[in-house]
Amino acid sequence: MDSEWAPPGIDVSKPHPARRYDYWLGGKDNFEADRKSAELVTEAFPSVQFAALENRAFLRRAVTFLAAEAGIRQYLDIGAGLPTAGNVHEIAQDIAPDSRIVYVDNDPIVAVHARTLLNSSPQGKTAYIEADVREPERILTHPDLLATLDLTRPVALMLVAVMHFIVDEERPRELVRELCRALPSGSYLVMTHATNDHLTPEDIAENEAANKRSGIPFRLRSTAEFAPFFDGLELEPPGIGSIMTWRPEGWRAHPRPEAVSMLGAVARIP
């Protein structure tokens, strides 16, 4: 997408995680700054596109579990990103047409495409909110959320490939806890997160340098750093691990876990 086609008010000179992710997924809603940022990350992590695709596959398996097995009918997808194949409402409403979904993202260009995210089944409902995960109270009290979700009934909180953009100074675990506290018993937390588990100290240093050059703050976390996000919650089997090993759907050729370097888990809020 050339800069002259950018919607009014969108700064295409600065990269954004949602548009960079769109580029890795093969989308067209990204700009030169996003592509340059993506390529800088790719220099240090050549299999990053595999990670993006596997992350999307994890989301599909997790929502299928929630809708088909856990009986969840409400979803709060924060950091939803640009619409692509297999959005949460498409997966959930294919199983349970009465499912209700609220999407949240902080990139104005996502709002331009929100009509795709709002293409709900007649029995269900979807809404889109332009907000940031760093503003949990604003999200939870937003009129569009309250008109779509019943916070007295279980909700699946989706934080898929989001929290690694929240550096330690921004209190990532406190943000997740605040969001979870607002949800009733029987709700779920779904998270994926980029990890440094498989990297040498030299690899970690190179990755951190590449992320700084990319212009988007990013924090890799080990399994030991990721696990506390789920403190007090009931992990669904197989627990915390590579996103590729969470309820895989039969054998298939795929990259090694270290090539994807993404952790994931699904946990019930007691």
Protein backbone atom coordinates (compact mmCIF):
# COMPACT_ATOMS: atom_id res chain seq x y z
CA MET A 1 0.00 0.00 0.00
CA ASP A 2 1.53 3.32 -1.05
CA SER A 3 1.57 6.27 1.30
CA GLU A 4 -0.79 8.32 -0.89
CA TRP A 5 -3.52 5.79 -0.19
CA ALA A 6 -3.22 6.05 3.59
CA PRO A 7 -6.44 7.07 5.35
CA PRO A 8 -6.42 10.59 6.84
CA GLY A 9 -4.74 10.93 10.22
CA ILE A 10 -2.54 7.83 9.93
CA ASP A 11 1.21 8.41 10.27
CA VAL A 12 2.73 5.98 7.79
CA SER A 13 6.28 7.13 8.58
CA LYS A 14 6.30 5.13 11.83
CA PRO A 15 5.99 1.33 11.93
CA HIS A 16 3.15 -0.29 13.85
CA PRO A 17 2.95 -3.87 15.20
CA ALA A 18 -0.43 -4.58 13.58
CA ARG A 19 0.74 -3.53 10.12
CA ARG A 20 4.09 -5.31 10.51
CA TYR A 21 2.25 -8.49 11.49
CA ASP A 22 0.01 -8.03 8.46
CA TYR A 23 3.13 -7.94 6.28
CA TRP A 24 4.45 -11.19 7.76
CA LEU A 25 1.06 -12.82 7.16
CA GLY A 26 1.19 -11.79 3.51
CA GLY A 27 -1.32 -8.95 3.81
CA LYS A 28 -1.42 -5.71 1.85
CA ASP A 29 -2.32 -3.18 4.55
CA ASN A 30 1.20 -2.12 5.44
CA PHE A 31 3.54 0.70 4.51
CA GLU A 32 7.23 1.14 3.76
CA ALA A 33 8.09 1.88 7.39
CA ASP A 34 6.32 -1.31 8.50
CA ARG A 35 8.11 -3.40 5.88
CA LYS A 36 11.51 -1.93 6.77
CA SER A 37 10.85 -2.63 10.45
CA ALA A 38 9.79 -6.18 9.62
CA GLU A 39 12.93 -6.81 7.58
CA LEU A 40 15.16 -5.53 10.38
CA VAL A 41 13.58 -8.07 12.74
CA THR A 42 13.90 -10.78 10.10
CA GLU A 43 17.65 -10.17 9.91
CA ALA A 44 17.97 -11.30 13.55
CA PHE A 45 15.10 -13.82 13.48
CA PRO A 46 14.86 -15.24 9.95
CA SER A 47 11.91 -17.54 10.77
CA VAL A 48 9.71 -14.75 12.12
CA GLN A 49 7.13 -15.32 9.37
CA PHE A 50 6.77 -18.94 10.50
CA ALA A 51 6.14 -17.62 14.01
CA ALA A 52 3.39 -15.29 12.76
CA LEU A 53 1.66 -18.10 10.87
CA GLU A 54 1.96 -20.56 13.76
CA ASN A 55 0.62 -17.91 16.12
CA ARG A 56 -2.47 -17.55 13.93
CA ALA A 57 -2.92 -21.33 13.91
CA PHE A 58 -2.71 -21.39 17.72
CA LEU A 59 -5.43 -18.74 17.91
CA ARG A 60 -7.70 -20.90 15.76
CA ARG A 61 -7.14 -24.00 17.91
CA ALA A 62 -7.62 -22.05 21.15
CA VAL A 63 -10.89 -20.43 20.04
CA THR A 64 -12.14 -23.78 18.76
CA PHE A 65 -11.45 -25.30 22.19
CA LEU A 66 -13.14 -22.41 23.99
CA ALA A 67 -16.24 -22.48 21.80
CA ALA A 68 -16.65 -26.23 21.31
CA GLU A 69 -15.39 -27.65 24.61
CA ALA A 70 -15.45 -24.89 27.22
CA GLY A 71 -18.76 -23.39 26.10
CA ILE A 72 -17.47 -19.83 25.94
CA ARG A 73 -19.74 -17.44 24.05
CA GLN A 74 -18.01 -14.11 24.76
CA TYR A 75 -14.56 -12.94 23.67
CA LEU A 76 -12.46 -9.85 24.33
CA ASP A 77 -9.66 -9.77 21.74
CA ILE A 78 -7.13 -7.07 22.65
CA GLY A 79 -4.51 -6.30 20.04
CA ALA A 80 -6.70 -7.84 17.38
CA GLY A 81 -4.68 -6.45 14.50
CA LEU A 82 -5.80 -6.11 10.91
CA PRO A 83 -8.57 -8.46 9.74
CA THR A 84 -7.32 -11.57 8.01
CA ALA A 85 -8.57 -15.10 7.46
CA GLY A 86 -9.81 -16.74 10.63
CA ASN A 87 -10.75 -13.83 12.87
CA VAL A 88 -12.04 -14.76 16.33
CA HIS A 89 -15.71 -14.15 15.48
CA GLU A 90 -15.46 -16.26 12.33
CA ILE A 91 -14.06 -19.23 14.26
CA ALA A 92 -16.34 -18.88 17.30
CA GLN A 93 -19.55 -18.15 15.41
CA ASP A 94 -18.95 -21.06 13.04
CA ILE A 95 -19.28 -23.26 16.13
CA ALA A 96 -21.72 -21.16 18.16
CA PRO A 97 -23.50 -18.50 16.06
CA ASP A 98 -24.64 -16.60 19.17
CA SER A 99 -21.05 -15.78 20.18
CA ARG A 100 -20.28 -12.14 20.97
CA ILE A 101 -16.87 -10.58 20.36
CA VAL A 102 -15.26 -7.23 21.16
CA TYR A 103 -12.09 -6.39 19.24
CA VAL A 104 -9.59 -3.83 20.55
CA ASP A 105 -6.58 -2.31 18.78
CA ASN A 106 -4.62 0.94 18.99
CA ASP A 107 -3.82 1.29 15.27
CA PRO A 108 -6.22 3.71 13.54
CA ILE A 109 -5.90 1.79 10.30
CA VAL A 110 -7.56 -1.23 11.93
CA ALA A 111 -10.63 0.93 12.47
CA VAL A 112 -10.77 1.54 8.72
CA HIS A 113 -11.20 -2.22 8.26
CA ALA A 114 -13.45 -2.72 11.28
CA ARG A 115 -16.44 -3.46 9.05
CA THR A 116 -14.81 -6.82 8.36
CA LEU A 117 -14.44 -7.43 12.09
CA LEU A 118 -18.07 -6.42 12.61
CA ASN A 119 -19.43 -8.90 10.07
CA SER A 120 -21.23 -10.88 12.77
CA SER A 121 -23.68 -13.71 12.39
CA PRO A 122 -27.30 -12.58 12.89
CA GLN A 123 -27.51 -14.46 16.20
CA GLY A 124 -24.30 -12.98 17.64
CA LYS A 125 -22.73 -9.56 17.89
CA THR A 126 -19.33 -7.91 17.39
CA ALA A 127 -17.91 -4.52 18.27
CA TYR A 128 -14.63 -2.69 17.71
CA ILE A 129 -12.91 -0.31 20.14
CA GLU A 130 -9.87 1.79 19.35
CA ALA A 131 -7.86 1.56 22.57
CA ASP A 132 -4.62 0.26 24.05
CA VAL A 133 -3.97 -2.70 26.36
CA ARG A 134 -2.19 -0.20 28.60
CA GLU A 135 -5.64 1.31 29.31
CA PRO A 136 -7.57 -1.59 30.87
CA GLU A 137 -10.11 0.60 32.68
CA ARG A 138 -10.96 2.48 29.48
CA ILE A 139 -11.49 -0.82 27.66
CA LEU A 140 -13.56 -2.42 30.40
CA THR A 141 -15.85 0.58 30.85
CA HIS A 142 -16.26 1.43 27.17
CA PRO A 143 -19.95 1.72 26.21
CA ASP A 144 -19.49 -0.48 23.14
CA LEU A 145 -17.99 -3.24 25.24
CA LEU A 146 -20.74 -3.03 27.82
CA ALA A 147 -23.36 -3.10 25.06
CA THR A 148 -21.81 -6.25 23.58
CA LEU A 149 -20.49 -8.34 26.47
CA ASP A 150 -22.15 -9.29 29.75
CA LEU A 151 -19.31 -9.13 32.27
CA THR A 152 -21.29 -11.23 34.75
CA ARG A 153 -20.91 -14.20 32.39
CA PRO A 154 -17.65 -15.91 31.32
CA VAL A 155 -15.45 -14.11 28.81
CA ALA A 156 -12.33 -15.29 27.00
CA LEU A 157 -9.62 -12.64 27.23
CA MET A 158 -7.43 -12.98 24.13
CA LEU A 159 -3.93 -11.49 24.42
CA VAL A 160 -2.35 -13.15 21.41
CA ALA A 161 1.10 -11.82 20.47
CA VAL A 162 0.46 -8.60 22.40
CA MET A 163 2.26 -8.51 25.73
CA HIS A 164 5.77 -8.75 24.27
CA PHE A 165 5.20 -5.17 23.10
CA ILE A 166 4.76 -4.11 26.73
CA VAL A 167 8.14 -3.50 28.32
CA ASP A 168 8.76 -4.15 32.02
CA GLU A 169 8.42 -0.48 32.97
CA GLU A 170 4.80 -0.59 31.76
CA ARG A 171 3.82 -3.24 34.33
CA PRO A 172 2.69 -5.99 31.93
CA ARG A 173 1.67 -8.50 34.60
CA GLU A 174 -0.31 -5.90 36.52
CA LEU A 175 -2.17 -4.98 33.32
CA VAL A 176 -3.12 -8.62 32.71
CA ARG A 177 -4.19 -9.08 36.33
CA GLU A 178 -6.38 -5.98 36.17
CA LEU A 179 -8.11 -7.30 33.06
CA CYS A 180 -8.58 -10.76 34.58
CA ARG A 181 -9.96 -9.36 37.84
CA ALA A 182 -12.80 -7.75 35.91
CA LEU A 183 -13.94 -11.12 34.53
CA PRO A 184 -16.11 -13.63 36.40
CA SER A 185 -15.23 -17.17 37.42
CA GLY A 186 -15.25 -19.51 34.44
CA SER A 187 -13.62 -16.95 32.15
CA TYR A 188 -10.38 -17.74 30.35
CA LEU A 189 -7.05 -16.08 29.59
CA VAL A 190 -5.42 -16.93 26.24
CA MET A 191 -1.89 -15.64 25.73
CA THR A 192 1.02 -16.07 23.37
CA HIS A 193 4.37 -14.39 23.78
CA ALA A 194 7.72 -14.31 21.99
CA THR A 195 10.42 -16.09 23.98
CA ASN A 196 14.19 -16.11 24.30
CA ASP A 197 14.23 -19.68 25.66
CA HIS A 198 16.12 -21.03 22.67
CA LEU A 199 18.55 -18.16 22.19
CA THR A 200 22.19 -17.89 23.21
CA PRO A 201 23.30 -14.71 25.02
CA GLU A 202 24.77 -13.55 21.71
CA ASP A 203 21.48 -14.22 19.91
CA ILE A 204 19.55 -12.32 22.60
CA ALA A 205 21.84 -9.30 22.26
CA GLU A 206 21.47 -9.35 18.47
CA ASN A 207 17.71 -9.68 18.75
CA GLU A 208 17.44 -6.79 21.20
CA ALA A 209 19.55 -4.60 18.94
CA ALA A 210 17.39 -5.48 15.93
CA ASN A 211 14.23 -4.66 17.85
CA LYS A 212 15.63 -1.26 18.81
CA ARG A 213 16.48 -0.56 15.17
CA SER A 214 12.99 -1.64 14.11
CA GLY A 215 11.42 1.27 16.01
CA ILE A 216 8.93 -0.86 17.98
CA PRO A 217 9.58 -1.60 21.68
CA PHE A 218 9.72 -5.37 22.21
CA ARG A 219 10.52 -7.63 25.17
CA LEU A 220 11.33 -11.31 24.74
CA ARG A 221 10.52 -13.31 27.88
CA SER A 222 11.59 -16.75 29.03
CA THR A 223 9.17 -19.44 30.21
CA ALA A 224 10.06 -18.45 33.78
CA GLU A 225 9.06 -14.85 32.99
CA PHE A 226 5.94 -15.84 31.04
CA ALA A 227 4.53 -18.25 33.64
CA PRO A 228 3.68 -15.58 36.28
CA PHE A 229 1.07 -14.11 33.93
CA PHE A 230 -0.97 -17.20 34.86
CA ASP A 231 -0.46 -17.10 38.64
CA GLY A 232 -3.69 -18.08 40.38
CA LEU A 233 -5.28 -19.41 37.18
CA GLU A 234 -6.01 -23.02 36.18
CA LEU A 235 -3.93 -23.99 33.16
CA GLU A 236 -5.61 -26.16 30.56
CA PRO A 237 -3.52 -29.12 29.39
CA PRO A 238 -0.84 -29.21 28.10
CA GLY A 239 -0.04 -26.06 30.06
CA ILE A 240 2.65 -23.57 29.07
CA GLY A 241 4.85 -24.44 26.11
CA SER A 242 5.51 -23.84 22.46
CA ILE A 243 2.44 -22.67 20.56
CA MET A 244 3.03 -25.55 18.15
CA THR A 245 2.60 -28.18 20.87
CA TRP A 246 -0.65 -26.78 22.29
CA ARG A 247 -3.26 -29.33 21.13
CA PRO A 248 -1.71 -29.95 17.71
CA GLU A 249 -4.00 -31.30 15.03
CA GLY A 250 -2.16 -34.44 13.94
CA TRP A 251 1.28 -34.78 12.38
CA ARG A 252 2.52 -32.29 9.85
CA ALA A 253 5.82 -30.91 8.73
CA HIS A 254 6.58 -27.76 10.68
CA PRO A 255 9.55 -25.73 11.91
CA ARG A 256 11.25 -26.60 15.18
CA PRO A 257 10.01 -24.83 18.34
CA GLU A 258 13.20 -22.76 18.37
CA ALA A 259 12.39 -21.54 14.87
CA VAL A 260 9.02 -20.25 16.09
CA SER A 261 10.11 -19.15 19.60
CA MET A 262 6.57 -18.41 20.78
CA LEU A 263 5.09 -19.55 24.07
CA GLY A 264 1.37 -20.00 24.58
CA ALA A 265 -1.18 -21.16 27.11
CA VAL A 266 -4.89 -21.16 27.91
CA ALA A 267 -6.03 -20.88 31.52
CA ARG A 268 -9.37 -20.79 33.34
CA ILE A 269 -10.07 -17.99 35.82
CA PRO A 270 -11.37 -19.72 39.00
